Each structure stands twice: as C-alpha cells, then as structure tokens.
Amino acid sequence: MKFVNDFKHIVVLIAAITFLLIVMFITIRQVKRLPLSYTIQTLDHHEERIILPDLRLDFRRYEVAESYARFYRDMYRQQRYKFRVIGLRKEDVKNKKYVSPYGL
C-alpha cells in the first residue's frame, strides 16, 4: 500500500515538473520573438514619413517609446503630425528593412 502511495506522489511530481518545463519553453520562445528595440515613425497629415529634427526616435523599451510618442503628439498637435511606435527585430535591421534616420 505504501508503494502505491509513493508511486502516486512520484507521478504527480513528474507531471508538475513536465508542466513547468513546457511553460518555460513557451515563455522563452515568446520572449525571443519580441522586438529588440523600438522606434517612433513620424507621419505628416498626408501619411508620408518625415523626420523632425532634434527628436529622440530610437528606444530599447516599448513603454518609453510610447510615452515619448504621446509627448510628441501633444507637442505637435497643431501641425497634425502622427507618431507611431514600431518594434524592430534583429532581422529588420540586418535585412535593411528599417533604416535609422540618423544613419545608425
């Protein structure tokens, strides 16, 4: 009877460890898919990309980029500029899909 009881505990323990490993694998895979950096894209009222001088456009964290985009939206509201936050992955920069306005 004690063997059966110990066996139940071992099965539950193995199931819990397996579940945790699967969750860790899925989480790590999702983290690898996140962008490495973020940039703010500036559009005029004709939806064309423009570069405004003296604005910080490249950021590491999404929250900071979104905060700056809101600040710029409020600051340039009368000129009707639009500011979008775009995530950049390693492939985007490597394949030249994104070119920094600063030439970096």
PDB file of N, CA and C in Angstrom:
ATOM      1  N   MET A   1       0.827  -1.193   0.000  1.00  0.00           N
ATOM      2  CA  MET A   1       0.000   0.000   0.000  1.00  0.00           C
ATOM      3  C   MET A   1       0.877   1.266   0.000  1.00  0.00           C
ATOM      4  N   LYS A   2       1.985   1.208   0.744  1.00  0.00           N
ATOM      5  CA  LYS A   2       2.888   2.354   0.793  1.00  0.00           C
ATOM      6  C   LYS A   2       3.532   2.596  -0.574  1.00  0.00           C
ATOM      7  N   PHE A   3       3.837   1.517  -1.297  1.00  0.00           N
ATOM      8  CA  PHE A   3       4.419   1.655  -2.631  1.00  0.00           C
ATOM      9  C   PHE A   3       3.462   2.377  -3.574  1.00  0.00           C
ATOM     10  N   VAL A   4       2.191   2.044  -3.530  1.00  0.00           N
ATOM     11  CA  VAL A   4       1.180   2.680  -4.385  1.00  0.00           C
ATOM     12  C   VAL A   4       1.074   4.160  -4.040  1.00  0.00           C
ATOM     13  N   ASN A   5       1.106   4.484  -2.765  1.00  0.00           N
ATOM     14  CA  ASN A   5       1.018   5.867  -2.328  1.00  0.00           C
ATOM     15  C   ASN A   5       2.237   6.661  -2.795  1.00  0.00           C
ATOM     16  N   ASP A   6       3.423   6.098  -2.645  1.00  0.00           N
ATOM     17  CA  ASP A   6       4.638   6.750  -3.122  1.00  0.00           C
ATOM     18  C   ASP A   6       4.618   6.915  -4.637  1.00  0.00           C
ATOM     19  N   PHE A   7       4.108   5.928  -5.329  1.00  0.00           N
ATOM     20  CA  PHE A   7       4.029   5.988  -6.793  1.00  0.00           C
ATOM     21  C   PHE A   7       3.115   7.123  -7.246  1.00  0.00           C
ATOM     22  N   LYS A   8       2.005   7.343  -6.542  1.00  0.00           N
ATOM     23  CA  LYS A   8       1.093   8.453  -6.869  1.00  0.00           C
ATOM     24  C   LYS A   8       1.813   9.793  -6.713  1.00  0.00           C
ATOM     25  N   HIS A   9       2.580   9.913  -5.640  1.00  0.00           N
ATOM     26  CA  HIS A   9       3.304  11.162  -5.407  1.00  0.00           C
ATOM     27  C   HIS A   9       4.352  11.400  -6.494  1.00  0.00           C
ATOM     28  N   ILE A  10       5.023  10.355  -6.900  1.00  0.00           N
ATOM     29  CA  ILE A  10       6.032  10.475  -7.942  1.00  0.00           C
ATOM     30  C   ILE A  10       5.397  10.874  -9.271  1.00  0.00           C
ATOM     31  N   VAL A  11       4.254  10.287  -9.608  1.00  0.00           N
ATOM     32  CA  VAL A  11       3.566  10.634 -10.856  1.00  0.00           C
ATOM     33  C   VAL A  11       3.125  12.091 -10.841  1.00  0.00           C
ATOM     34  N   VAL A  12       2.577  12.547  -9.732  1.00  0.00           N
ATOM     35  CA  VAL A  12       2.147  13.948  -9.615  1.00  0.00           C
ATOM     36  C   VAL A  12       3.352  14.879  -9.716  1.00  0.00           C
ATOM     37  N   LEU A  13       4.441  14.522  -9.079  1.00  0.00           N
ATOM     38  CA  LEU A  13       5.650  15.338  -9.130  1.00  0.00           C
ATOM     39  C   LEU A  13       6.209  15.421 -10.559  1.00  0.00           C
ATOM     40  N   ILE A  14       6.247  14.292 -11.249  1.00  0.00           N
ATOM     41  CA  ILE A  14       6.733  14.279 -12.637  1.00  0.00           C
ATOM     42  C   ILE A  14       5.814  15.106 -13.534  1.00  0.00           C
ATOM     43  N   ALA A  15       4.501  15.008 -13.329  1.00  0.00           N
ATOM     44  CA  ALA A  15       3.553  15.798 -14.133  1.00  0.00           C
ATOM     45  C   ALA A  15       3.749  17.292 -13.881  1.00  0.00           C
ATOM     46  N   ALA A  16       3.965  17.678 -12.626  1.00  0.00           N
ATOM     47  CA  ALA A  16       4.174  19.093 -12.295  1.00  0.00           C
ATOM     48  C   ALA A  16       5.465  19.616 -12.919  1.00  0.00           C
ATOM     49  N   ILE A  17       6.531  18.850 -12.839  1.00  0.00           N
ATOM     50  CA  ILE A  17       7.809  19.263 -13.424  1.00  0.00           C
ATOM     51  C   ILE A  17       7.691  19.375 -14.942  1.00  0.00           C
ATOM     52  N   THR A  18       7.014  18.412 -15.564  1.00  0.00           N
ATOM     53  CA  THR A  18       6.802  18.455 -17.018  1.00  0.00           C
ATOM     54  C   THR A  18       6.007  19.702 -17.409  1.00  0.00           C
ATOM     55  N   PHE A  19       4.966  20.001 -16.661  1.00  0.00           N
ATOM     56  CA  PHE A  19       4.153  21.193 -16.931  1.00  0.00           C
ATOM     57  C   PHE A  19       5.003  22.459 -16.825  1.00  0.00           C
ATOM     58  N   LEU A  20       5.816  22.572 -15.778  1.00  0.00           N
ATOM     59  CA  LEU A  20       6.672  23.749 -15.615  1.00  0.00           C
ATOM     60  C   LEU A  20       7.693  23.880 -16.741  1.00  0.00           C
ATOM     61  N   LEU A  21       8.258  22.780 -17.186  1.00  0.00           N
ATOM     62  CA  LEU A  21       9.207  22.824 -18.301  1.00  0.00           C
ATOM     63  C   LEU A  21       8.535  23.275 -19.595  1.00  0.00           C
ATOM     64  N   ILE A  22       7.317  22.803 -19.837  1.00  0.00           N
ATOM     65  CA  ILE A  22       6.586  23.219 -21.042  1.00  0.00           C
ATOM     66  C   ILE A  22       6.275  24.713 -20.977  1.00  0.00           C
ATOM     67  N   VAL A  23       5.836  25.194 -19.819  1.00  0.00           N
ATOM     68  CA  VAL A  23       5.532  26.622 -19.661  1.00  0.00           C
ATOM     69  C   VAL A  23       6.791  27.459 -19.863  1.00  0.00           C
ATOM     70  N   MET A  24       7.919  27.027 -19.310  1.00  0.00           N
ATOM     71  CA  MET A  24       9.177  27.749 -19.507  1.00  0.00           C
ATOM     72  C   MET A  24       9.581  27.780 -20.972  1.00  0.00           C
ATOM     73  N   PHE A  25       9.435  26.674 -21.673  1.00  0.00           N
ATOM     74  CA  PHE A  25       9.784  26.620 -23.091  1.00  0.00           C
ATOM     75  C   PHE A  25       8.935  27.597 -23.903  1.00  0.00           C
ATOM     76  N   ILE A  26       7.632  27.620 -23.657  1.00  0.00           N
ATOM     77  CA  ILE A  26       6.735  28.530 -24.388  1.00  0.00           C
ATOM     78  C   ILE A  26       7.076  29.983 -24.069  1.00  0.00           C
ATOM     79  N   THR A  27       7.349  30.277 -22.810  1.00  0.00           N
ATOM     80  CA  THR A  27       7.682  31.654 -22.416  1.00  0.00           C
ATOM     81  C   THR A  27       8.978  32.114 -23.061  1.00  0.00           C
ATOM     82  N   ILE A  28       9.992  31.283 -23.056  1.00  0.00           N
ATOM     83  CA  ILE A  28      11.272  31.652 -23.664  1.00  0.00           C
ATOM     84  C   ILE A  28      11.121  31.858 -25.159  1.00  0.00           C
ATOM     85  N   ARG A  29      10.315  31.026 -25.804  1.00  0.00           N
ATOM     86  CA  ARG A  29      10.090  31.181 -27.239  1.00  0.00           C
ATOM     87  C   ARG A  29       9.390  32.506 -27.542  1.00  0.00           C
ATOM     88  N   GLN A  30       8.426  32.910 -26.703  1.00  0.00           N
ATOM     89  CA  GLN A  30       7.733  34.180 -26.914  1.00  0.00           C
ATOM     90  C   GLN A  30       8.667  35.363 -26.666  1.00  0.00           C
ATOM     91  N   VAL A  31       9.531  35.266 -25.673  1.00  0.00           N
ATOM     92  CA  VAL A  31      10.458  36.358 -25.376  1.00  0.00           C
ATOM     93  C   VAL A  31      11.434  36.557 -26.532  1.00  0.00           C
ATOM     94  N   LYS A  32      11.854  35.484 -27.169  1.00  0.00           N
ATOM     95  CA  LYS A  32      12.773  35.604 -28.303  1.00  0.00           C
ATOM     96  C   LYS A  32      12.123  36.304 -29.488  1.00  0.00           C
ATOM     97  N   ARG A  33      10.807  36.244 -29.581  1.00  0.00           N
ATOM     98  CA  ARG A  33      10.096  36.877 -30.697  1.00  0.00           C
ATOM     99  C   ARG A  33       9.856  38.366 -30.486  1.00  0.00           C
ATOM    100  N   LEU A  34      10.060  38.864 -29.276  1.00  0.00           N
ATOM    101  CA  LEU A  34       9.838  40.280 -29.010  1.00  0.00           C
ATOM    102  C   LEU A  34      10.884  41.130 -29.728  1.00  0.00           C
ATOM    103  N   PRO A  35      10.515  42.347 -30.114  1.00  0.00           N
ATOM    104  CA  PRO A  35      11.484  43.234 -30.760  1.00  0.00           C
ATOM    105  C   PRO A  35      12.622  43.602 -29.809  1.00  0.00           C
ATOM    106  N   LEU A  36      13.795  43.823 -30.397  1.00  0.00           N
ATOM    107  CA  LEU A  36      14.955  44.214 -29.595  1.00  0.00           C
ATOM    108  C   LEU A  36      14.927  45.698 -29.257  1.00  0.00           C
ATOM    109  N   SER A  37      14.357  46.491 -30.149  1.00  0.00           N
ATOM    110  CA  SER A  37      14.267  47.921 -29.905  1.00  0.00           C
ATOM    111  C   SER A  37      13.014  48.464 -30.587  1.00  0.00           C
ATOM    112  N   TYR A  38      12.706  49.707 -30.281  1.00  0.00           N
ATOM    113  CA  TYR A  38      11.514  50.359 -30.823  1.00  0.00           C
ATOM    114  C   TYR A  38      11.905  51.702 -31.387  1.00  0.00           C
ATOM    115  N   THR A  39      11.186  52.138 -32.397  1.00  0.00           N
ATOM    116  CA  THR A  39      11.431  53.444 -32.985  1.00  0.00           C
ATOM    117  C   THR A  39      10.100  54.159 -33.165  1.00  0.00           C
ATOM    118  N   ILE A  40      10.165  55.467 -33.224  1.00  0.00           N
ATOM    119  CA  ILE A  40       8.966  56.273 -33.458  1.00  0.00           C
ATOM    120  C   ILE A  40       9.002  56.730 -34.903  1.00  0.00           C
ATOM    121  N   GLN A  41       7.949  56.394 -35.621  1.00  0.00           N
ATOM    122  CA  GLN A  41       7.818  56.803 -37.015  1.00  0.00           C
ATOM    123  C   GLN A  41       6.931  58.051 -37.046  1.00  0.00           C
ATOM    124  N   THR A  42       7.384  59.090 -37.730  1.00  0.00           N
ATOM    125  CA  THR A  42       6.655  60.348 -37.806  1.00  0.00           C
ATOM    126  C   THR A  42       6.005  60.475 -39.169  1.00  0.00           C
ATOM    127  N   LEU A  43       4.696  60.770 -39.175  1.00  0.00           N
ATOM    128  CA  LEU A  43       3.952  60.925 -40.418  1.00  0.00           C
ATOM    129  C   LEU A  43       3.311  62.307 -40.434  1.00  0.00           C
ATOM    130  N   ASP A  44       3.283  62.923 -41.617  1.00  0.00           N
ATOM    131  CA  ASP A  44       2.603  64.209 -41.726  1.00  0.00           C
ATOM    132  C   ASP A  44       1.115  63.970 -42.016  1.00  0.00           C
ATOM    133  N   HIS A  45       0.372  65.032 -42.293  1.00  0.00           N
ATOM    134  CA  HIS A  45      -1.074  64.888 -42.497  1.00  0.00           C
ATOM    135  C   HIS A  45      -1.424  64.205 -43.820  1.00  0.00           C
ATOM    136  N   HIS A  46      -0.436  63.988 -44.708  1.00  0.00           N
ATOM    137  CA  HIS A  46      -0.646  63.231 -45.951  1.00  0.00           C
ATOM    138  C   HIS A  46      -0.195  61.780 -45.802  1.00  0.00           C
ATOM    139  N   GLU A  47       0.084  61.359 -44.572  1.00  0.00           N
ATOM    140  CA  GLU A  47       0.533  60.000 -44.253  1.00  0.00           C
ATOM    141  C   GLU A  47       1.899  59.660 -44.879  1.00  0.00           C
ATOM    142  N   GLU A  48       2.748  60.644 -45.102  1.00  0.00           N
ATOM    143  CA  GLU A  48       4.091  60.414 -45.618  1.00  0.00           C
ATOM    144  C   GLU A  48       5.094  60.519 -44.477  1.00  0.00           C
ATOM    145  N   ARG A  49       6.117  59.681 -44.523  1.00  0.00           N
ATOM    146  CA  ARG A  49       7.146  59.702 -43.477  1.00  0.00           C
ATOM    147  C   ARG A  49       7.970  60.977 -43.573  1.00  0.00           C
ATOM    148  N   ILE A  50       8.222  61.545 -42.419  1.00  0.00           N
ATOM    149  CA  ILE A  50       9.067  62.735 -42.351  1.00  0.00           C
ATOM    150  C   ILE A  50      10.005  62.575 -41.160  1.00  0.00           C
ATOM    151  N   ILE A  51      11.033  63.402 -41.115  1.00  0.00           N
ATOM    152  CA  ILE A  51      11.966  63.412 -39.994  1.00  0.00           C
ATOM    153  C   ILE A  51      11.972  64.818 -39.420  1.00  0.00           C
ATOM    154  N   LEU A  52      11.590  64.919 -38.159  1.00  0.00           N
ATOM    155  CA  LEU A  52      11.649  66.194 -37.466  1.00  0.00           C
ATOM    156  C   LEU A  52      12.983  66.270 -36.732  1.00  0.00           C
ATOM    157  N   PRO A  53      13.675  67.387 -36.835  1.00  0.00           N
ATOM    158  CA  PRO A  53      15.000  67.476 -36.192  1.00  0.00           C
ATOM    159  C   PRO A  53      14.890  67.505 -34.665  1.00  0.00           C
ATOM    160  N   ASP A  54      15.922  67.028 -34.027  1.00  0.00           N
ATOM    161  CA  ASP A  54      16.082  67.092 -32.569  1.00  0.00           C
ATOM    162  C   ASP A  54      15.055  66.290 -31.788  1.00  0.00           C
ATOM    163  N   LEU A  55      14.528  65.233 -32.369  1.00  0.00           N
ATOM    164  CA  LEU A  55      13.628  64.345 -31.628  1.00  0.00           C
ATOM    165  C   LEU A  55      14.324  63.011 -31.385  1.00  0.00           C
ATOM    166  N   ARG A  56      14.138  62.483 -30.212  1.00  0.00           N
ATOM    167  CA  ARG A  56      14.676  61.160 -29.912  1.00  0.00           C
ATOM    168  C   ARG A  56      13.712  60.136 -30.496  1.00  0.00           C
ATOM    169  N   LEU A  57      14.215  59.226 -31.336  1.00  0.00           N
ATOM    170  CA  LEU A  57      13.348  58.295 -32.042  1.00  0.00           C
ATOM    171  C   LEU A  57      13.620  56.824 -31.746  1.00  0.00           C
ATOM    172  N   ASP A  58      14.788  56.470 -31.253  1.00  0.00           N
ATOM    173  CA  ASP A  58      15.133  55.065 -31.022  1.00  0.00           C
ATOM    174  C   ASP A  58      15.156  54.765 -29.527  1.00  0.00           C
ATOM    175  N   PHE A  59      14.492  53.652 -29.141  1.00  0.00           N
ATOM    176  CA  PHE A  59      14.348  53.298 -27.736  1.00  0.00           C
ATOM    177  C   PHE A  59      14.518  51.799 -27.553  1.00  0.00           C
ATOM    178  N   ARG A  60      14.895  51.398 -26.353  1.00  0.00           N
ATOM    179  CA  ARG A  60      15.023  49.981 -26.008  1.00  0.00           C
ATOM    180  C   ARG A  60      13.705  49.401 -25.504  1.00  0.00           C
ATOM    181  N   ARG A  61      12.916  50.194 -24.774  1.00  0.00           N
ATOM    182  CA  ARG A  61      11.702  49.689 -24.140  1.00  0.00           C
ATOM    183  C   ARG A  61      10.468  50.294 -24.782  1.00  0.00           C
ATOM    184  N   TYR A  62       9.427  49.475 -24.905  1.00  0.00           N
ATOM    185  CA  TYR A  62       8.182  49.917 -25.533  1.00  0.00           C
ATOM    186  C   TYR A  62       7.507  51.032 -24.730  1.00  0.00           C
ATOM    187  N   GLU A  63       7.499  50.903 -23.416  1.00  0.00           N
ATOM    188  CA  GLU A  63       6.824  51.891 -22.575  1.00  0.00           C
ATOM    189  C   GLU A  63       7.430  53.283 -22.761  1.00  0.00           C
ATOM    190  N   VAL A  64       8.737  53.338 -22.866  1.00  0.00           N
ATOM    191  CA  VAL A  64       9.419  54.622 -23.042  1.00  0.00           C
ATOM    192  C   VAL A  64       9.094  55.200 -24.418  1.00  0.00           C
ATOM    193  N   ALA A  65       9.118  54.370 -25.438  1.00  0.00           N
ATOM    194  CA  ALA A  65       8.810  54.839 -26.796  1.00  0.00           C
ATOM    195  C   ALA A  65       7.372  55.337 -26.877  1.00  0.00           C
ATOM    196  N   GLU A  66       6.444  54.619 -26.265  1.00  0.00           N
ATOM    197  CA  GLU A  66       5.042  55.041 -26.284  1.00  0.00           C
ATOM    198  C   GLU A  66       4.853  56.349 -25.519  1.00  0.00           C
ATOM    199  N   SER A  67       5.568  56.501 -24.426  1.00  0.00           N
ATOM    200  CA  SER A  67       5.486  57.731 -23.654  1.00  0.00           C
ATOM    201  C   SER A  67       5.998  58.924 -24.462  1.00  0.00           C
ATOM    202  N   TYR A  68       7.132  58.753 -25.127  1.00  0.00           N
ATOM    203  CA  TYR A  68       7.665  59.827 -25.976  1.00  0.00           C
ATOM    204  C   TYR A  68       6.719  60.116 -27.138  1.00  0.00           C
ATOM    205  N   ALA A  69       6.111  59.083 -27.725  1.00  0.00           N
ATOM    206  CA  ALA A  69       5.179  59.299 -28.835  1.00  0.00           C
ATOM    207  C   ALA A  69       3.979  60.128 -28.371  1.00  0.00           C
ATOM    208  N   ARG A  70       3.459  59.834 -27.176  1.00  0.00           N
ATOM    209  CA  ARG A  70       2.352  60.642 -26.645  1.00  0.00           C
ATOM    210  C   ARG A  70       2.790  62.076 -26.391  1.00  0.00           C
ATOM    211  N   PHE A  71       4.000  62.234 -25.856  1.00  0.00           N
ATOM    212  CA  PHE A  71       4.522  63.579 -25.594  1.00  0.00           C
ATOM    213  C   PHE A  71       4.657  64.360 -26.901  1.00  0.00           C
ATOM    214  N   TYR A  72       5.225  63.717 -27.933  1.00  0.00           N
ATOM    215  CA  TYR A  72       5.377  64.386 -29.227  1.00  0.00           C
ATOM    216  C   TYR A  72       4.027  64.693 -29.854  1.00  0.00           C
ATOM    217  N   ARG A  73       3.047  63.786 -29.703  1.00  0.00           N
ATOM    218  CA  ARG A  73       1.695  64.040 -30.221  1.00  0.00           C
ATOM    219  C   ARG A  73       1.108  65.293 -29.602  1.00  0.00           C
ATOM    220  N   ASP A  74       1.258  65.428 -28.299  1.00  0.00           N
ATOM    221  CA  ASP A  74       0.747  66.618 -27.620  1.00  0.00           C
ATOM    222  C   ASP A  74       1.510  67.872 -28.042  1.00  0.00           C
ATOM    223  N   MET A  75       2.822  67.733 -28.198  1.00  0.00           N
ATOM    224  CA  MET A  75       3.658  68.877 -28.538  1.00  0.00           C
ATOM    225  C   MET A  75       3.389  69.381 -29.963  1.00  0.00           C
ATOM    226  N   TYR A  76       3.167  68.465 -30.918  1.00  0.00           N
ATOM    227  CA  TYR A  76       2.985  68.830 -32.325  1.00  0.00           C
ATOM    228  C   TYR A  76       1.530  68.683 -32.771  1.00  0.00           C
ATOM    229  N   ARG A  77       0.597  68.833 -31.864  1.00  0.00           N
ATOM    230  CA  ARG A  77      -0.814  68.633 -32.177  1.00  0.00           C
ATOM    231  C   ARG A  77      -1.305  69.612 -33.264  1.00  0.00           C
ATOM    232  N   GLN A  78      -0.888  70.861 -33.198  1.00  0.00           N
ATOM    233  CA  GLN A  78      -1.376  71.859 -34.154  1.00  0.00           C
ATOM    234  C   GLN A  78      -0.862  71.607 -35.566  1.00  0.00           C
ATOM    235  N   GLN A  79       0.302  70.995 -35.725  1.00  0.00           N
ATOM    236  CA  GLN A  79       0.838  70.703 -37.053  1.00  0.00           C
ATOM    237  C   GLN A  79       0.273  69.404 -37.620  1.00  0.00           C
ATOM    238  N   ARG A  80      -0.515  68.686 -36.849  1.00  0.00           N
ATOM    239  CA  ARG A  80      -1.187  67.440 -37.261  1.00  0.00           C
ATOM    240  C   ARG A  80      -0.214  66.330 -37.661  1.00  0.00           C
ATOM    241  N   TYR A  81       0.889  66.226 -36.954  1.00  0.00           N
ATOM    242  CA  TYR A  81       1.796  65.101 -37.174  1.00  0.00           C
ATOM    243  C   TYR A  81       1.287  63.889 -36.406  1.00  0.00           C
ATOM    244  N   LYS A  82       1.559  62.709 -36.941  1.00  0.00           N
ATOM    245  CA  LYS A  82       1.211  61.464 -36.261  1.00  0.00           C
ATOM    246  C   LYS A  82       2.500  60.745 -35.897  1.00  0.00           C
ATOM    247  N   PHE A  83       2.502  60.142 -34.719  1.00  0.00           N
ATOM    248  CA  PHE A  83       3.673  59.427 -34.230  1.00  0.00           C
ATOM    249  C   PHE A  83       3.273  57.993 -33.914  1.00  0.00           C
ATOM    250  N   ARG A  84       3.968  57.036 -34.526  1.00  0.00           N
ATOM    251  CA  ARG A  84       3.693  55.613 -34.314  1.00  0.00           C
ATOM    252  C   ARG A  84       4.923  54.934 -33.732  1.00  0.00           C
ATOM    253  N   VAL A  85       4.668  53.989 -32.840  1.00  0.00           N
ATOM    254  CA  VAL A  85       5.761  53.187 -32.278  1.00  0.00           C
ATOM    255  C   VAL A  85       5.848  51.889 -33.076  1.00  0.00           C
ATOM    256  N   ILE A  86       7.050  51.587 -33.553  1.00  0.00           N
ATOM    257  CA  ILE A  86       7.278  50.388 -34.365  1.00  0.00           C
ATOM    258  C   ILE A  86       8.364  49.557 -33.698  1.00  0.00           C
ATOM    259  N   GLY A  87       8.107  48.273 -33.535  1.00  0.00           N
ATOM    260  CA  GLY A  87       9.094  47.369 -32.963  1.00  0.00           C
ATOM    261  C   GLY A  87      10.062  46.882 -34.027  1.00  0.00           C
ATOM    262  N   LEU A  88      11.334  46.850 -33.684  1.00  0.00           N
ATOM    263  CA  LEU A  88      12.368  46.400 -34.615  1.00  0.00           C
ATOM    264  C   LEU A  88      12.993  45.117 -34.109  1.00  0.00           C
ATOM    265  N   ARG A  89      12.987  44.113 -34.957  1.00  0.00           N
ATOM    266  CA  ARG A  89      13.651  42.852 -34.622  1.00  0.00           C
ATOM    267  C   ARG A  89      15.034  42.853 -35.237  1.00  0.00           C
ATOM    268  N   LYS A  90      15.827  41.882 -34.847  1.00  0.00           N
ATOM    269  CA  LYS A  90      17.193  41.787 -35.350  1.00  0.00           C
ATOM    270  C   LYS A  90      17.193  41.626 -36.872  1.00  0.00           C
ATOM    271  N   GLU A  91      16.224  40.845 -37.395  1.00  0.00           N
ATOM    272  CA  GLU A  91      16.170  40.616 -38.850  1.00  0.00           C
ATOM    273  C   GLU A  91      15.867  41.895 -39.621  1.00  0.00           C
ATOM    274  N   ASP A  92      15.017  42.772 -39.035  1.00  0.00           N
ATOM    275  CA  ASP A  92      14.647  44.008 -39.720  1.00  0.00           C
ATOM    276  C   ASP A  92      15.863  44.895 -39.959  1.00  0.00           C
ATOM    277  N   VAL A  93      16.695  45.017 -38.962  1.00  0.00           N
ATOM    278  CA  VAL A  93      17.883  45.857 -39.090  1.00  0.00           C
ATOM    279  C   VAL A  93      18.909  45.173 -39.982  1.00  0.00           C
ATOM    280  N   LYS A  94      19.048  43.857 -39.821  1.00  0.00           N
ATOM    281  CA  LYS A  94      20.033  43.109 -40.602  1.00  0.00           C
ATOM    282  C   LYS A  94      19.674  43.092 -42.089  1.00  0.00           C
ATOM    283  N   ASN A  95      18.389  42.945 -42.422  1.00  0.00           N
ATOM    284  CA  ASN A  95      17.949  42.875 -43.817  1.00  0.00           C
ATOM    285  C   ASN A  95      17.648  44.244 -44.412  1.00  0.00           C
ATOM    286  N   LYS A  96      17.985  45.292 -43.670  1.00  0.00           N
ATOM    287  CA  LYS A  96      17.813  46.676 -44.133  1.00  0.00           C
ATOM    288  C   LYS A  96      16.351  47.034 -44.382  1.00  0.00           C
ATOM    289  N   LYS A  97      15.414  46.377 -43.663  1.00  0.00           N
ATOM    290  CA  LYS A  97      14.009  46.756 -43.780  1.00  0.00           C
ATOM    291  C   LYS A  97      13.757  48.071 -43.076  1.00  0.00           C
ATOM    292  N   TYR A  98      14.614  48.400 -42.121  1.00  0.00           N
ATOM    293  CA  TYR A  98      14.489  49.665 -41.400  1.00  0.00           C
ATOM    294  C   TYR A  98      15.832  50.373 -41.481  1.00  0.00           C
ATOM    295  N   VAL A  99      15.788  51.629 -41.818  1.00  0.00           N
ATOM    296  CA  VAL A  99      16.991  52.446 -41.826  1.00  0.00           C
ATOM    297  C   VAL A  99      16.764  53.584 -40.853  1.00  0.00           C
ATOM    298  N   SER A 100      17.648  53.708 -39.897  1.00  0.00           N
ATOM    299  CA  SER A 100      17.531  54.761 -38.888  1.00  0.00           C
ATOM    300  C   SER A 100      17.685  56.124 -39.559  1.00  0.00           C
ATOM    301  N   PRO A 101      16.905  57.087 -39.127  1.00  0.00           N
ATOM    302  CA  PRO A 101      17.057  58.437 -39.707  1.00  0.00           C
ATOM    303  C   PRO A 101      18.404  59.047 -39.397  1.00  0.00           C
ATOM    304  N   TYR A 102      19.114  58.505 -38.433  1.00  0.00           N
ATOM    305  CA  TYR A 102      20.416  59.028 -38.072  1.00  0.00           C
ATOM    306  C   TYR A 102      21.541  58.300 -38.792  1.00  0.00           C
ATOM    307  N   GLY A 103      21.205  57.313 -39.603  1.00  0.00           N
ATOM    308  CA  GLY A 103      22.213  56.574 -40.331  1.00  0.00           C
ATOM    309  C   GLY A 103      22.936  55.536 -39.490  1.00  0.00           C
ATOM    310  N   LEU A 104      22.348  55.135 -38.368  1.00  0.00           N
ATOM    311  CA  LEU A 104      22.982  54.150 -37.487  1.00  0.00           C
ATOM    312  C   LEU A 104      22.656  52.748 -37.895  1.00  0.00           C
TER     313      LEU A 104
END
